[in-house]
Protein backbone atom coordinates (compact mmCIF):
# COMPACT_ATOMS: atom_id res chain seq x y z
CA MET A 1 74.79 11.74 -16.83
CA GLY A 2 73.97 14.04 -19.72
CA SER A 3 72.52 13.10 -23.09
CA ARG A 4 75.92 13.15 -24.81
CA SER A 5 77.16 10.32 -22.59
CA SER A 6 73.89 8.41 -22.94
CA ASN A 7 74.44 8.27 -26.69
CA LEU A 8 77.79 6.51 -26.12
CA LEU A 9 76.30 3.68 -24.12
CA ARG A 10 75.36 0.25 -25.45
CA ARG A 11 73.33 -0.41 -22.33
CA LYS A 12 71.58 2.46 -20.59
CA PRO A 13 71.24 1.83 -16.85
CA LYS A 14 67.62 1.58 -15.74
CA GLN A 15 68.17 0.26 -12.24
CA ALA A 16 70.33 1.51 -9.37
CA ARG A 17 72.68 -1.49 -9.59
CA ALA A 18 73.35 -0.92 -13.29
CA GLN A 19 74.03 2.78 -12.59
CA GLU A 20 76.46 1.76 -9.83
CA THR A 21 78.28 -0.52 -12.29
CA LEU A 22 78.49 2.26 -14.85
CA ASP A 23 79.80 4.72 -12.24
CA ALA A 24 82.38 2.14 -11.10
CA LEU A 25 83.52 1.62 -14.70
CA LEU A 26 84.12 5.35 -15.11
CA GLU A 27 85.96 5.50 -11.78
CA GLY A 28 88.15 2.59 -12.88
CA ALA A 29 88.74 4.24 -16.26
CA ALA A 30 89.85 7.45 -14.53
CA GLN A 31 92.34 5.56 -12.35
CA VAL A 32 93.74 3.59 -15.29
CA LEU A 33 94.04 6.61 -17.58
CA ARG A 34 95.74 8.70 -14.88
CA ARG A 35 98.18 5.90 -14.05
CA HIS A 36 98.94 4.45 -17.49
CA GLY A 37 98.01 7.07 -20.10
CA TYR A 38 95.71 6.59 -23.09
CA ALA A 39 97.83 4.12 -25.11
CA ARG A 40 98.11 1.64 -22.23
CA ALA A 41 94.61 2.20 -20.85
CA THR A 42 93.03 -0.97 -22.23
CA THR A 43 89.55 -2.29 -21.57
CA ASN A 44 91.21 -5.23 -19.75
CA ARG A 45 92.94 -2.82 -17.36
CA ILE A 46 89.72 -0.88 -16.85
CA ALA A 47 87.84 -4.10 -16.08
CA GLU A 48 90.55 -5.17 -13.63
CA ALA A 49 90.56 -1.77 -11.87
CA THR A 50 86.76 -1.90 -11.62
CA GLY A 51 86.59 -5.52 -10.45
CA VAL A 52 84.37 -6.71 -13.31
CA SER A 53 84.82 -8.88 -16.37
CA VAL A 54 85.79 -7.43 -19.75
CA GLY A 55 82.41 -8.68 -20.96
CA THR A 56 80.72 -6.33 -18.48
CA VAL A 57 82.73 -3.41 -19.88
CA TYR A 58 81.48 -4.24 -23.38
CA GLU A 59 77.89 -4.53 -22.15
CA TYR A 60 78.06 -0.79 -21.50
CA PHE A 61 80.58 0.57 -24.02
CA PRO A 62 81.58 -0.45 -27.56
CA ASP A 63 85.25 0.50 -27.04
CA LYS A 64 87.64 2.42 -24.81
CA ASP A 65 87.14 5.66 -26.74
CA ALA A 66 83.45 5.63 -25.79
CA ILE A 67 84.46 5.07 -22.16
CA PHE A 68 86.80 8.05 -22.20
CA ALA A 69 84.28 10.25 -24.00
CA ALA A 70 81.77 9.45 -21.23
CA LEU A 71 84.46 10.11 -18.61
CA ILE A 72 85.23 13.50 -20.21
CA ASP A 73 81.53 14.39 -20.07
CA ARG A 74 81.26 13.31 -16.45
CA GLU A 75 84.35 15.14 -15.19
CA LEU A 76 83.64 18.42 -17.01
CA ASP A 77 79.93 18.34 -16.11
CA SER A 78 80.94 17.75 -12.48
CA LEU A 79 83.39 20.65 -12.58
CA VAL A 80 80.82 23.08 -14.02
CA ALA A 81 78.18 21.88 -11.54
CA ALA A 82 80.59 22.51 -8.65
CA PHE A 83 81.04 26.11 -9.79
CA GLU A 84 77.34 26.67 -10.44
CA ALA A 85 76.43 25.30 -7.00
CA GLN A 86 78.32 28.22 -5.44
CA GLY A 87 76.20 30.83 -7.20
CA VAL A 88 77.49 34.40 -7.31
CA GLY A 89 78.11 34.75 -3.57
CA ALA A 90 76.29 38.11 -3.45
CA GLU A 91 76.10 37.91 0.35
CA LEU A 92 79.92 37.74 0.58
CA ASP A 93 82.59 40.25 -0.31
CA LEU A 94 84.35 39.75 -3.64
CA GLU A 95 87.41 37.98 -2.28
CA ALA A 96 85.36 35.56 -0.18
CA ALA A 97 83.09 34.77 -3.16
CA LEU A 98 86.11 34.14 -5.40
CA LEU A 99 87.76 31.94 -2.76
CA GLN A 100 84.59 29.90 -2.43
CA LEU A 101 84.51 29.42 -6.20
CA VAL A 102 88.18 28.42 -6.48
CA GLU A 103 87.87 25.95 -3.58
CA ALA A 104 84.80 24.36 -5.20
CA GLY A 105 86.67 23.91 -8.48
CA LEU A 106 89.68 22.33 -6.81
CA ARG A 107 87.46 19.95 -4.80
CA ALA A 108 85.76 18.86 -8.03
CA MET A 109 89.11 17.67 -9.42
CA ARG A 110 88.84 14.42 -7.46
CA PHE A 111 91.61 12.67 -9.41
CA GLY A 112 93.81 15.75 -9.48
CA PRO A 113 94.97 17.85 -12.41
CA GLU A 114 96.83 14.86 -13.84
CA LEU A 115 93.53 13.28 -14.92
CA PHE A 116 92.55 16.40 -16.87
CA ARG A 117 95.90 16.37 -18.66
CA ALA A 118 95.42 12.68 -19.47
CA LEU A 119 91.89 13.38 -20.77
CA ALA A 120 93.28 16.15 -22.97
CA ALA A 121 95.59 13.57 -24.57
CA VAL A 122 92.69 11.30 -25.59
CA PRO A 123 92.52 11.33 -29.45
CA GLY A 124 89.61 12.90 -31.28
CA ALA A 125 89.63 16.38 -29.68
CA THR A 126 86.57 15.47 -27.58
CA PHE A 127 88.14 16.98 -24.48
CA ARG A 128 88.99 20.27 -26.21
CA ARG A 129 85.45 20.65 -27.60
CA ARG A 130 83.82 19.86 -24.28
CA LEU A 131 86.30 22.04 -22.39
CA GLY A 132 85.35 24.95 -24.64
CA ALA A 133 81.67 24.55 -23.73
CA ALA A 134 82.51 24.15 -20.02
CA ARG A 135 84.72 27.26 -20.13
CA GLU A 136 81.87 29.31 -21.64
CA ALA A 137 79.56 28.24 -18.82
CA VAL A 138 82.13 29.13 -16.14
CA VAL A 139 82.97 32.48 -17.79
CA ALA A 140 79.24 33.35 -17.78
CA LEU A 141 79.05 32.44 -14.07
CA VAL A 142 82.10 34.54 -13.20
CA SER A 143 80.68 37.44 -15.22
CA ARG A 144 77.50 37.27 -13.10
CA LEU A 145 79.62 37.13 -9.95
CA LEU A 146 81.50 40.27 -11.01
CA GLU A 147 78.23 42.04 -11.79
CA ALA A 148 76.95 41.14 -8.31
CA HIS A 149 80.13 42.71 -6.86
CA ARG A 150 80.33 45.64 -9.28
CA ARG A 151 81.22 48.17 -6.57
CA GLU A 152 84.33 46.20 -5.64
CA VAL A 153 85.54 45.64 -9.21
CA ASN A 154 87.81 48.21 -10.87
CA VAL A 155 87.62 46.96 -14.49
CA ALA A 156 85.40 48.38 -17.21
CA ASP A 157 84.47 45.28 -19.21
CA LEU A 158 83.16 42.57 -16.88
CA ASP A 159 82.79 39.95 -19.63
CA LEU A 160 86.41 40.39 -20.67
CA ALA A 161 87.51 40.36 -17.03
CA ALA A 162 85.60 37.11 -16.46
CA PHE A 163 87.27 35.56 -19.50
CA LEU A 164 90.73 36.65 -18.28
CA VAL A 165 90.11 35.34 -14.76
CA VAL A 166 88.87 31.94 -15.96
CA SER A 167 91.70 31.64 -18.50
CA ALA A 168 94.32 32.52 -15.87
CA VAL A 169 92.98 29.99 -13.37
CA GLU A 170 92.66 27.36 -16.12
CA GLY A 171 96.31 27.98 -17.00
CA ILE A 172 97.31 27.43 -13.40
CA GLY A 173 95.30 24.21 -13.33
CA ALA A 174 96.95 22.99 -16.54
CA ASN A 175 100.39 23.22 -14.90
CA LEU A 176 99.39 22.14 -11.41
CA GLN A 177 100.64 18.99 -9.68
CA SER A 178 98.61 17.12 -7.08
CA SER A 179 101.44 17.70 -4.60
CA GLN A 180 100.63 21.43 -4.76
CA LEU A 181 97.00 20.94 -3.74
CA ASP A 182 96.88 22.25 -0.19
CA GLU A 183 94.99 24.97 1.70
CA ARG A 184 97.40 27.69 0.52
CA LEU A 185 96.69 27.23 -3.18
CA PRO A 186 93.09 28.58 -3.36
CA VAL A 187 94.09 31.49 -1.12
CA GLU A 188 96.99 32.48 -3.38
CA ILE A 189 94.93 32.05 -6.57
CA THR A 190 92.20 34.22 -5.07
CA ARG A 191 94.71 36.88 -4.04
CA LEU A 192 96.15 36.97 -7.56
CA VAL A 193 92.74 37.31 -9.23
CA SER A 194 91.40 39.75 -6.64
CA ARG A 195 94.32 42.15 -7.12
CA TYR A 196 93.65 42.27 -10.87
CA LEU A 197 89.93 42.83 -10.39
CA ARG A 198 90.37 45.52 -7.77
CA GLY A 199 93.18 47.23 -9.64
CA SER A 200 95.58 47.02 -6.70
């Protein structure tokens, strides 16, 4: 967990068991937020979903907003890490590298797109600020991917193309339902993006 999340904690886990409890609290918070929305996502519900006492919740976090801020950090950090783990796929052709990237991003959305929409509704604009930073990191990665596949790309400005690709896929994700998450989705997203990049 990054330094932003560490600053939200009352109790920083020093042992494996404490880290497991913290991870379980964030998992429980994700389930509760996705199911009930922010207004009804109480610390009591989070404790119940996690299987711990409310007192344990407060050992780690001062309030539910701190829990959701830590959850936002975790989910967006995980999403960026999933993209970065794929690298630029220089050994693949462009379409295969893009498909690999899209599949990694979809796998990282463990609680589905509904959780990201619920996180966006958390007051305080934390999600929007963190999403902006995550988007910049992913745009930079896609720009490097396009540079590695320059011969296959038929656009002049690779940075702009990377921004457009990431924004288009983000827009799809913002409107996506979990019921649409099957093996066809990454293929169709890749086809859409690839046609733009290749100019065909």
